[in-house]
PDB file of N, CA and C in Angstrom:
ATOM      1  N   MET A   1       4.702   5.167 -16.565  1.00  0.00           N
ATOM      2  CA  MET A   1       3.455   4.679 -16.842  1.00  0.00           C
ATOM      3  C   MET A   1       2.276   5.028 -15.805  1.00  0.00           C
ATOM      4  N   LYS A   2       1.250   5.777 -16.421  1.00  0.00           N
ATOM      5  CA  LYS A   2       0.189   6.265 -15.297  1.00  0.00           C
ATOM      6  C   LYS A   2      -0.551   5.095 -14.783  1.00  0.00           C
ATOM      7  N   ALA A   3      -1.178   5.278 -13.524  1.00  0.00           N
ATOM      8  CA  ALA A   3      -1.913   4.364 -13.021  1.00  0.00           C
ATOM      9  C   ALA A   3      -3.128   4.044 -13.743  1.00  0.00           C
ATOM     10  N   LEU A   4      -3.261   2.617 -14.177  1.00  0.00           N
ATOM     11  CA  LEU A   4      -4.650   2.275 -14.836  1.00  0.00           C
ATOM     12  C   LEU A   4      -5.867   2.508 -14.106  1.00  0.00           C
ATOM     13  N   ALA A   5      -6.734   3.081 -15.191  1.00  0.00           N
ATOM     14  CA  ALA A   5      -8.091   3.677 -14.569  1.00  0.00           C
ATOM     15  C   ALA A   5      -8.913   2.617 -14.240  1.00  0.00           C
ATOM     16  N   ASN A   6      -9.118   1.428 -14.893  1.00  0.00           N
ATOM     17  CA  ASN A   6     -10.120   0.614 -14.556  1.00  0.00           C
ATOM     18  C   ASN A   6      -9.799  -0.918 -14.911  1.00  0.00           C
ATOM     19  N   VAL A   7     -10.653  -1.741 -14.439  1.00  0.00           N
ATOM     20  CA  VAL A   7     -10.402  -3.260 -14.508  1.00  0.00           C
ATOM     21  C   VAL A   7     -10.300  -3.631 -15.827  1.00  0.00           C
ATOM     22  N   ALA A   8     -10.805  -3.178 -16.775  1.00  0.00           N
ATOM     23  CA  ALA A   8     -10.492  -3.661 -18.298  1.00  0.00           C
ATOM     24  C   ALA A   8      -9.297  -3.194 -18.801  1.00  0.00           C
ATOM     25  N   GLU A   9      -8.824  -1.761 -18.306  1.00  0.00           N
ATOM     26  CA  GLU A   9      -7.504  -1.431 -18.928  1.00  0.00           C
ATOM     27  C   GLU A   9      -6.608  -2.390 -18.078  1.00  0.00           C
ATOM     28  N   LEU A  10      -6.672  -2.697 -16.867  1.00  0.00           N
ATOM     29  CA  LEU A  10      -5.635  -3.472 -16.139  1.00  0.00           C
ATOM     30  C   LEU A  10      -5.526  -4.726 -16.536  1.00  0.00           C
ATOM     31  N   ARG A  11      -6.585  -5.459 -17.073  1.00  0.00           N
ATOM     32  CA  ARG A  11      -6.695  -6.819 -17.455  1.00  0.00           C
ATOM     33  C   ARG A  11      -5.760  -6.806 -18.860  1.00  0.00           C
ATOM     34  N   LEU A  12      -6.149  -5.759 -19.612  1.00  0.00           N
ATOM     35  CA  LEU A  12      -5.699  -5.672 -21.069  1.00  0.00           C
ATOM     36  C   LEU A  12      -3.888  -5.267 -20.657  1.00  0.00           C
ATOM     37  N   HIS A  13      -3.783  -4.666 -19.819  1.00  0.00           N
ATOM     38  CA  HIS A  13      -2.199  -4.469 -19.576  1.00  0.00           C
ATOM     39  C   HIS A  13      -1.675  -5.751 -19.093  1.00  0.00           C
ATOM     40  N   ARG A  14      -2.177  -6.440 -18.159  1.00  0.00           N
ATOM     41  CA  ARG A  14      -1.578  -7.841 -17.794  1.00  0.00           C
ATOM     42  C   ARG A  14      -1.406  -8.864 -19.008  1.00  0.00           C
ATOM     43  N   LEU A  15      -2.523  -8.930 -19.789  1.00  0.00           N
ATOM     44  CA  LEU A  15      -2.639  -9.665 -21.008  1.00  0.00           C
ATOM     45  C   LEU A  15      -1.337  -9.294 -21.836  1.00  0.00           C
ATOM     46  N   ARG A  16      -1.064  -8.047 -22.045  1.00  0.00           N
ATOM     47  CA  ARG A  16       0.154  -7.642 -23.038  1.00  0.00           C
ATOM     48  C   ARG A  16       1.373  -7.913 -22.234  1.00  0.00           C
ATOM     49  N   MET A  17       1.327  -7.616 -20.980  1.00  0.00           N
ATOM     50  CA  MET A  17       2.656  -8.003 -20.323  1.00  0.00           C
ATOM     51  C   MET A  17       2.835  -9.530 -20.255  1.00  0.00           C
ATOM     52  N   ARG A  18       2.037 -10.295 -20.101  1.00  0.00           N
ATOM     53  CA  ARG A  18       1.978 -11.781 -20.160  1.00  0.00           C
ATOM     54  C   ARG A  18       2.690 -12.064 -21.660  1.00  0.00           C
ATOM     55  N   ARG A  19       1.925 -11.596 -22.682  1.00  0.00           N
ATOM     56  CA  ARG A  19       2.638 -11.842 -24.054  1.00  0.00           C
ATOM     57  C   ARG A  19       4.089 -11.319 -24.188  1.00  0.00           C
ATOM     58  N   TYR A  20       4.306 -10.168 -23.652  1.00  0.00           N
ATOM     59  CA  TYR A  20       5.808  -9.734 -23.863  1.00  0.00           C
ATOM     60  C   TYR A  20       6.932 -10.442 -23.053  1.00  0.00           C
ATOM     61  N   TYR A  21       6.505 -10.836 -21.815  1.00  0.00           N
ATOM     62  CA  TYR A  21       7.266 -11.765 -21.009  1.00  0.00           C
ATOM     63  C   TYR A  21       7.570 -12.926 -21.751  1.00  0.00           C
ATOM     64  N   ARG A  22       6.599 -13.694 -22.263  1.00  0.00           N
ATOM     65  CA  ARG A  22       6.632 -14.953 -22.876  1.00  0.00           C
ATOM     66  C   ARG A  22       7.516 -14.671 -24.226  1.00  0.00           C
ATOM     67  N   MET A  23       7.462 -13.603 -24.846  1.00  0.00           N
ATOM     68  CA  MET A  23       8.184 -13.334 -26.020  1.00  0.00           C
ATOM     69  C   MET A  23       9.679 -13.398 -25.809  1.00  0.00           C
ATOM     70  N   CYS A  24      10.004 -12.802 -24.638  1.00  0.00           N
ATOM     71  CA  CYS A  24      11.326 -12.761 -24.037  1.00  0.00           C
ATOM     72  C   CYS A  24      11.939 -13.958 -23.545  1.00  0.00           C
ATOM     73  N   PHE A  25      11.103 -14.837 -22.922  1.00  0.00           N
ATOM     74  CA  PHE A  25      11.735 -15.817 -21.964  1.00  0.00           C
ATOM     75  C   PHE A  25      11.467 -17.160 -22.515  1.00  0.00           C
ATOM     76  N   GLU A  26      10.520 -17.432 -23.487  1.00  0.00           N
ATOM     77  CA  GLU A  26      10.143 -18.799 -23.860  1.00  0.00           C
ATOM     78  C   GLU A  26      10.879 -19.434 -25.110  1.00  0.00           C
ATOM     79  N   GLY A  27      11.700 -18.541 -25.598  1.00  0.00           N
ATOM     80  CA  GLY A  27      12.545 -19.145 -26.738  1.00  0.00           C
ATOM     81  C   GLY A  27      13.807 -19.765 -26.199  1.00  0.00           C
ATOM     82  N   PRO A  28      14.557 -20.464 -26.867  1.00  0.00           N
ATOM     83  CA  PRO A  28      15.867 -21.134 -26.381  1.00  0.00           C
ATOM     84  C   PRO A  28      16.756 -20.126 -25.685  1.00  0.00           C
ATOM     85  N   GLY A  29      17.041 -19.014 -26.046  1.00  0.00           N
ATOM     86  CA  GLY A  29      17.803 -18.215 -25.509  1.00  0.00           C
ATOM     87  C   GLY A  29      17.302 -17.527 -24.097  1.00  0.00           C
ATOM     88  N   GLY A  30      16.078 -17.186 -24.317  1.00  0.00           N
ATOM     89  CA  GLY A  30      15.185 -16.719 -23.051  1.00  0.00           C
ATOM     90  C   GLY A  30      15.286 -17.858 -21.926  1.00  0.00           C
ATOM     91  N   LYS A  31      15.137 -19.110 -22.248  1.00  0.00           N
ATOM     92  CA  LYS A  31      15.225 -20.154 -21.369  1.00  0.00           C
ATOM     93  C   LYS A  31      16.520 -20.267 -20.702  1.00  0.00           C
ATOM     94  N   ILE A  32      17.627 -20.121 -21.371  1.00  0.00           N
ATOM     95  CA  ILE A  32      18.991 -19.966 -20.823  1.00  0.00           C
ATOM     96  C   ILE A  32      19.109 -18.825 -19.934  1.00  0.00           C
ATOM     97  N   VAL A  33      18.638 -17.635 -20.315  1.00  0.00           N
ATOM     98  CA  VAL A  33      18.781 -16.543 -19.547  1.00  0.00           C
ATOM     99  C   VAL A  33      17.911 -16.649 -18.184  1.00  0.00           C
ATOM    100  N   LEU A  34      16.785 -17.276 -18.237  1.00  0.00           N
ATOM    101  CA  LEU A  34      15.898 -17.573 -17.099  1.00  0.00           C
ATOM    102  C   LEU A  34      16.602 -18.479 -16.204  1.00  0.00           C
ATOM    103  N   SER A  35      17.115 -19.395 -16.739  1.00  0.00           N
ATOM    104  CA  SER A  35      18.000 -20.544 -15.860  1.00  0.00           C
ATOM    105  C   SER A  35      19.089 -19.713 -15.128  1.00  0.00           C
ATOM    106  N   ASP A  36      19.770 -18.843 -15.856  1.00  0.00           N
ATOM    107  CA  ASP A  36      21.005 -18.171 -14.974  1.00  0.00           C
ATOM    108  C   ASP A  36      20.373 -17.129 -14.132  1.00  0.00           C
ATOM    109  N   LEU A  37      19.207 -16.442 -14.348  1.00  0.00           N
ATOM    110  CA  LEU A  37      18.768 -15.601 -13.236  1.00  0.00           C
ATOM    111  C   LEU A  37      18.213 -16.475 -12.172  1.00  0.00           C
ATOM    112  N   LYS A  38      17.555 -17.571 -12.244  1.00  0.00           N
ATOM    113  CA  LYS A  38      17.100 -18.364 -11.074  1.00  0.00           C
ATOM    114  C   LYS A  38      18.365 -18.782 -10.241  1.00  0.00           C
ATOM    115  N   SER A  39      19.497 -19.071 -10.964  1.00  0.00           N
ATOM    116  CA  SER A  39      20.794 -19.396 -10.062  1.00  0.00           C
ATOM    117  C   SER A  39      21.036 -17.963  -9.450  1.00  0.00           C
ATOM    118  N   PHE A  40      21.321 -16.847 -10.161  1.00  0.00           N
ATOM    119  CA  PHE A  40      21.848 -15.668  -9.699  1.00  0.00           C
ATOM    120  C   PHE A  40      21.015 -15.215  -8.442  1.00  0.00           C
ATOM    121  N   CYS A  41      19.527 -15.409  -8.744  1.00  0.00           N
ATOM    122  CA  CYS A  41      18.809 -15.042  -7.625  1.00  0.00           C
ATOM    123  C   CYS A  41      18.532 -15.888  -6.590  1.00  0.00           C
ATOM    124  N   ARG A  42      19.182 -16.732  -6.557  1.00  0.00           N
ATOM    125  CA  ARG A  42      19.062 -18.028  -5.587  1.00  0.00           C
ATOM    126  C   ARG A  42      17.719 -18.494  -5.282  1.00  0.00           C
ATOM    127  N   SER A  43      17.094 -18.890  -6.441  1.00  0.00           N
ATOM    128  CA  SER A  43      15.723 -19.265  -6.327  1.00  0.00           C
ATOM    129  C   SER A  43      15.440 -20.536  -5.659  1.00  0.00           C
ATOM    130  N   ASP A  44      16.447 -21.248  -5.347  1.00  0.00           N
ATOM    131  CA  ASP A  44      16.326 -22.539  -4.536  1.00  0.00           C
ATOM    132  C   ASP A  44      17.142 -22.698  -3.418  1.00  0.00           C
ATOM    133  N   GLN A  45      17.574 -21.474  -2.971  1.00  0.00           N
ATOM    134  CA  GLN A  45      18.143 -21.198  -1.621  1.00  0.00           C
ATOM    135  C   GLN A  45      17.548 -20.572  -0.690  1.00  0.00           C
ATOM    136  N   ASP A  46      17.801 -20.816   0.828  1.00  0.00           N
ATOM    137  CA  ASP A  46      17.403 -19.762   1.754  1.00  0.00           C
ATOM    138  C   ASP A  46      18.052 -18.624   1.671  1.00  0.00           C
ATOM    139  N   LEU A  47      17.313 -17.400   1.791  1.00  0.00           N
ATOM    140  CA  LEU A  47      17.912 -16.250   1.527  1.00  0.00           C
ATOM    141  C   LEU A  47      18.264 -15.376   2.983  1.00  0.00           C
ATOM    142  N   PHE A  48      17.973 -16.148   4.092  1.00  0.00           N
ATOM    143  CA  PHE A  48      18.227 -15.480   5.460  1.00  0.00           C
ATOM    144  C   PHE A  48      19.792 -15.130   5.494  1.00  0.00           C
ATOM    145  N   ASP A  49      19.823 -13.729   6.180  1.00  0.00           N
ATOM    146  CA  ASP A  49      21.217 -13.455   6.292  1.00  0.00           C
ATOM    147  C   ASP A  49      21.211 -12.519   7.540  1.00  0.00           C
ATOM    148  N   THR A  50      22.307 -12.793   8.342  1.00  0.00           N
ATOM    149  CA  THR A  50      22.343 -12.108   9.652  1.00  0.00           C
ATOM    150  C   THR A  50      22.274 -10.313   9.426  1.00  0.00           C
ATOM    151  N   ASP A  51      22.712 -10.077   8.337  1.00  0.00           N
ATOM    152  CA  ASP A  51      22.863  -8.641   7.978  1.00  0.00           C
ATOM    153  C   ASP A  51      21.564  -8.240   7.153  1.00  0.00           C
ATOM    154  N   ALA A  52      20.696  -7.373   7.932  1.00  0.00           N
ATOM    155  CA  ALA A  52      19.291  -7.200   7.256  1.00  0.00           C
ATOM    156  C   ALA A  52      19.511  -6.600   5.853  1.00  0.00           C
ATOM    157  N   ARG A  53      20.223  -5.841   5.644  1.00  0.00           N
ATOM    158  CA  ARG A  53      20.545  -5.041   4.356  1.00  0.00           C
ATOM    159  C   ARG A  53      20.842  -6.037   3.328  1.00  0.00           C
ATOM    160  N   LYS A  54      21.686  -7.018   3.652  1.00  0.00           N
ATOM    161  CA  LYS A  54      21.983  -8.090   2.497  1.00  0.00           C
ATOM    162  C   LYS A  54      20.687  -8.821   2.308  1.00  0.00           C
ATOM    163  N   GLU A  55      20.064  -9.264   3.293  1.00  0.00           N
ATOM    164  CA  GLU A  55      18.858 -10.105   3.244  1.00  0.00           C
ATOM    165  C   GLU A  55      17.932  -9.418   2.453  1.00  0.00           C
ATOM    166  N   ALA A  56      17.684  -7.974   2.579  1.00  0.00           N
ATOM    167  CA  ALA A  56      16.706  -7.114   1.834  1.00  0.00           C
ATOM    168  C   ALA A  56      16.912  -7.220   0.357  1.00  0.00           C
ATOM    169  N   TYR A  57      18.517  -6.999   0.266  1.00  0.00           N
ATOM    170  CA  TYR A  57      18.781  -6.869  -1.079  1.00  0.00           C
ATOM    171  C   TYR A  57      18.614  -8.379  -1.987  1.00  0.00           C
ATOM    172  N   LEU A  58      18.798  -9.529  -1.192  1.00  0.00           N
ATOM    173  CA  LEU A  58      18.587 -10.866  -1.738  1.00  0.00           C
ATOM    174  C   LEU A  58      17.028 -10.874  -2.231  1.00  0.00           C
ATOM    175  N   LEU A  59      16.202 -10.403  -1.216  1.00  0.00           N
ATOM    176  CA  LEU A  59      14.739 -10.578  -1.414  1.00  0.00           C
ATOM    177  C   LEU A  59      14.389  -9.618  -2.496  1.00  0.00           C
ATOM    178  N   GLY A  60      15.048  -8.615  -2.844  1.00  0.00           N
ATOM    179  CA  GLY A  60      14.696  -7.773  -3.991  1.00  0.00           C
ATOM    180  C   GLY A  60      14.974  -8.465  -5.168  1.00  0.00           C
ATOM    181  N   MET A  61      16.028  -9.146  -5.195  1.00  0.00           N
ATOM    182  CA  MET A  61      16.437  -9.890  -6.377  1.00  0.00           C
ATOM    183  C   MET A  61      15.379 -10.956  -6.552  1.00  0.00           C
ATOM    184  N   ARG A  62      15.140 -11.746  -5.539  1.00  0.00           N
ATOM    185  CA  ARG A  62      14.178 -12.773  -5.601  1.00  0.00           C
ATOM    186  C   ARG A  62      12.872 -12.258  -6.148  1.00  0.00           C
ATOM    187  N   ARG A  63      12.381 -10.822  -5.751  1.00  0.00           N
ATOM    188  CA  ARG A  63      11.059 -10.434  -6.060  1.00  0.00           C
ATOM    189  C   ARG A  63      11.035 -10.175  -7.672  1.00  0.00           C
ATOM    190  N   VAL A  64      11.961  -9.762  -8.248  1.00  0.00           N
ATOM    191  CA  VAL A  64      12.147  -9.582  -9.730  1.00  0.00           C
ATOM    192  C   VAL A  64      11.929 -10.867 -10.421  1.00  0.00           C
ATOM    193  N   LEU A  65      12.677 -11.918  -9.857  1.00  0.00           N
ATOM    194  CA  LEU A  65      12.603 -13.163 -10.446  1.00  0.00           C
ATOM    195  C   LEU A  65      11.279 -13.625 -10.220  1.00  0.00           C
ATOM    196  N   LEU A  66      10.530 -13.431  -9.226  1.00  0.00           N
ATOM    197  CA  LEU A  66       9.202 -13.959  -9.151  1.00  0.00           C
ATOM    198  C   LEU A  66       8.085 -13.206  -9.969  1.00  0.00           C
ATOM    199  N   ARG A  67       8.529 -11.897 -10.173  1.00  0.00           N
ATOM    200  CA  ARG A  67       7.597 -11.224 -11.216  1.00  0.00           C
ATOM    201  C   ARG A  67       7.551 -11.761 -12.647  1.00  0.00           C
ATOM    202  N   ILE A  68       8.821 -12.211 -13.035  1.00  0.00           N
ATOM    203  CA  ILE A  68       8.888 -12.687 -14.391  1.00  0.00           C
ATOM    204  C   ILE A  68       8.332 -14.118 -14.312  1.00  0.00           C
ATOM    205  N   THR A  69       8.699 -14.848 -13.510  1.00  0.00           N
ATOM    206  CA  THR A  69       7.918 -16.263 -13.536  1.00  0.00           C
ATOM    207  C   THR A  69       6.577 -16.282 -13.291  1.00  0.00           C
ATOM    208  N   SER A  70       6.026 -15.230 -12.578  1.00  0.00           N
ATOM    209  CA  SER A  70       4.592 -14.959 -12.497  1.00  0.00           C
ATOM    210  C   SER A  70       3.791 -14.671 -13.777  1.00  0.00           C
ATOM    211  N   PHE A  71       4.386 -13.865 -14.745  1.00  0.00           N
ATOM    212  CA  PHE A  71       3.960 -13.629 -15.919  1.00  0.00           C
ATOM    213  C   PHE A  71       4.086 -14.758 -16.950  1.00  0.00           C
ATOM    214  N   LEU A  72       5.281 -15.433 -16.732  1.00  0.00           N
ATOM    215  CA  LEU A  72       5.253 -16.790 -17.628  1.00  0.00           C
ATOM    216  C   LEU A  72       4.471 -17.691 -17.274  1.00  0.00           C
ATOM    217  N   ASN A  73       3.949 -17.854 -16.068  1.00  0.00           N
ATOM    218  CA  ASN A  73       3.028 -18.946 -15.501  1.00  0.00           C
ATOM    219  C   ASN A  73       1.637 -18.479 -15.551  1.00  0.00           C
ATOM    220  N   MET A  74       1.424 -17.241 -15.814  1.00  0.00           N
ATOM    221  CA  MET A  74       0.017 -16.477 -15.773  1.00  0.00           C
ATOM    222  C   MET A  74      -1.042 -17.129 -16.828  1.00  0.00           C
ATOM    223  N   SER A  75      -2.075 -17.792 -16.261  1.00  0.00           N
ATOM    224  CA  SER A  75      -3.041 -18.470 -17.014  1.00  0.00           C
ATOM    225  C   SER A  75      -4.092 -17.355 -17.611  1.00  0.00           C
ATOM    226  N   LEU A  76      -4.863 -17.480 -18.541  1.00  0.00           N
ATOM    227  CA  LEU A  76      -5.974 -16.493 -18.958  1.00  0.00           C
ATOM    228  C   LEU A  76      -6.780 -16.219 -17.764  1.00  0.00           C
ATOM    229  N   GLU A  77      -7.142 -17.373 -17.115  1.00  0.00           N
ATOM    230  CA  GLU A  77      -7.901 -17.089 -15.701  1.00  0.00           C
ATOM    231  C   GLU A  77      -7.396 -16.096 -14.808  1.00  0.00           C
ATOM    232  N   ASP A  78      -6.162 -16.122 -14.775  1.00  0.00           N
ATOM    233  CA  ASP A  78      -5.312 -15.103 -13.823  1.00  0.00           C
ATOM    234  C   ASP A  78      -5.530 -13.862 -14.486  1.00  0.00           C
ATOM    235  N   VAL A  79      -5.314 -13.729 -15.591  1.00  0.00           N
ATOM    236  CA  VAL A  79      -5.617 -12.359 -16.235  1.00  0.00           C
ATOM    237  C   VAL A  79      -6.961 -11.976 -16.070  1.00  0.00           C
ATOM    238  N   GLU A  80      -8.005 -12.584 -16.098  1.00  0.00           N
ATOM    239  CA  GLU A  80      -9.302 -12.246 -15.898  1.00  0.00           C
ATOM    240  C   GLU A  80      -9.530 -12.000 -14.359  1.00  0.00           C
ATOM    241  N   ALA A  81      -8.917 -12.680 -13.327  1.00  0.00           N
ATOM    242  CA  ALA A  81      -9.010 -12.291 -12.171  1.00  0.00           C
ATOM    243  C   ALA A  81      -8.385 -11.064 -11.689  1.00  0.00           C
ATOM    244  N   PHE A  82      -7.289 -10.662 -12.396  1.00  0.00           N
ATOM    245  CA  PHE A  82      -6.269  -9.637 -12.494  1.00  0.00           C
ATOM    246  C   PHE A  82      -5.715  -9.437 -11.183  1.00  0.00           C
ATOM    247  N   GLY A  83      -5.847 -10.222 -10.150  1.00  0.00           N
ATOM    248  CA  GLY A  83      -5.017 -10.304  -8.988  1.00  0.00           C
ATOM    249  C   GLY A  83      -4.909  -9.077  -8.121  1.00  0.00           C
ATOM    250  N   LEU A  84      -3.667  -8.665  -8.251  1.00  0.00           N
ATOM    251  CA  LEU A  84      -3.367  -7.465  -7.423  1.00  0.00           C
ATOM    252  C   LEU A  84      -2.946  -6.043  -8.148  1.00  0.00           C
ATOM    253  N   PRO A  85      -4.097  -5.195  -8.040  1.00  0.00           N
ATOM    254  CA  PRO A  85      -3.852  -4.024  -9.016  1.00  0.00           C
ATOM    255  C   PRO A  85      -2.825  -3.131  -8.470  1.00  0.00           C
ATOM    256  N   HIS A  86      -2.569  -3.277  -7.125  1.00  0.00           N
ATOM    257  CA  HIS A  86      -1.601  -2.408  -6.698  1.00  0.00           C
ATOM    258  C   HIS A  86      -0.163  -2.649  -7.282  1.00  0.00           C
ATOM    259  N   GLU A  87       0.042  -3.692  -7.902  1.00  0.00           N
ATOM    260  CA  GLU A  87       1.421  -3.959  -8.526  1.00  0.00           C
ATOM    261  C   GLU A  87       1.600  -3.049  -9.677  1.00  0.00           C
ATOM    262  N   VAL A  88       0.702  -2.801 -10.431  1.00  0.00           N
ATOM    263  CA  VAL A  88       0.685  -1.787 -11.484  1.00  0.00           C
ATOM    264  C   VAL A  88       1.007  -0.591 -11.034  1.00  0.00           C
ATOM    265  N   GLU A  89       0.197  -0.141  -9.967  1.00  0.00           N
ATOM    266  CA  GLU A  89       0.361   1.167  -9.424  1.00  0.00           C
ATOM    267  C   GLU A  89       1.856   1.466  -8.767  1.00  0.00           C
ATOM    268  N   GLU A  90       2.342   0.600  -8.188  1.00  0.00           N
ATOM    269  CA  GLU A  90       3.736   0.462  -7.671  1.00  0.00           C
ATOM    270  C   GLU A  90       4.709   0.731  -8.720  1.00  0.00           C
ATOM    271  N   ASP A  91       4.522  -0.051  -9.940  1.00  0.00           N
ATOM    272  CA  ASP A  91       5.582  -0.026 -10.963  1.00  0.00           C
ATOM    273  C   ASP A  91       5.553   1.177 -11.583  1.00  0.00           C
ATOM    274  N   SER A  92       4.245   1.959 -11.537  1.00  0.00           N
ATOM    275  CA  SER A  92       4.321   3.370 -12.312  1.00  0.00           C
ATOM    276  C   SER A  92       5.040   4.503 -11.650  1.00  0.00           C
ATOM    277  N   LYS A  93       5.462   4.228 -10.341  1.00  0.00           N
ATOM    278  CA  LYS A  93       6.072   5.395  -9.722  1.00  0.00           C
ATOM    279  C   LYS A  93       7.475   5.541 -10.130  1.00  0.00           C
TER     280      LYS A  93
END
């Protein structure tokens, strides 16, 4: 995906992504999968590990879960504010 050119495109992209994430995760099956991901990604546990690589791995897993939940919890006001444009640029690499 190319970097988005302007604020309007970014807002439209975030609005679409919000809708797509909700389509995937808000139904009964999606809620079961999301619950499994929360457990697998240790969403309610401390991720500290003395092995820095293992800790980085765990943090990466948590980051994916946080991205999913951020789109599920995103309000229309959040879409309008559009938050962090670098997220879209990072994802396009």
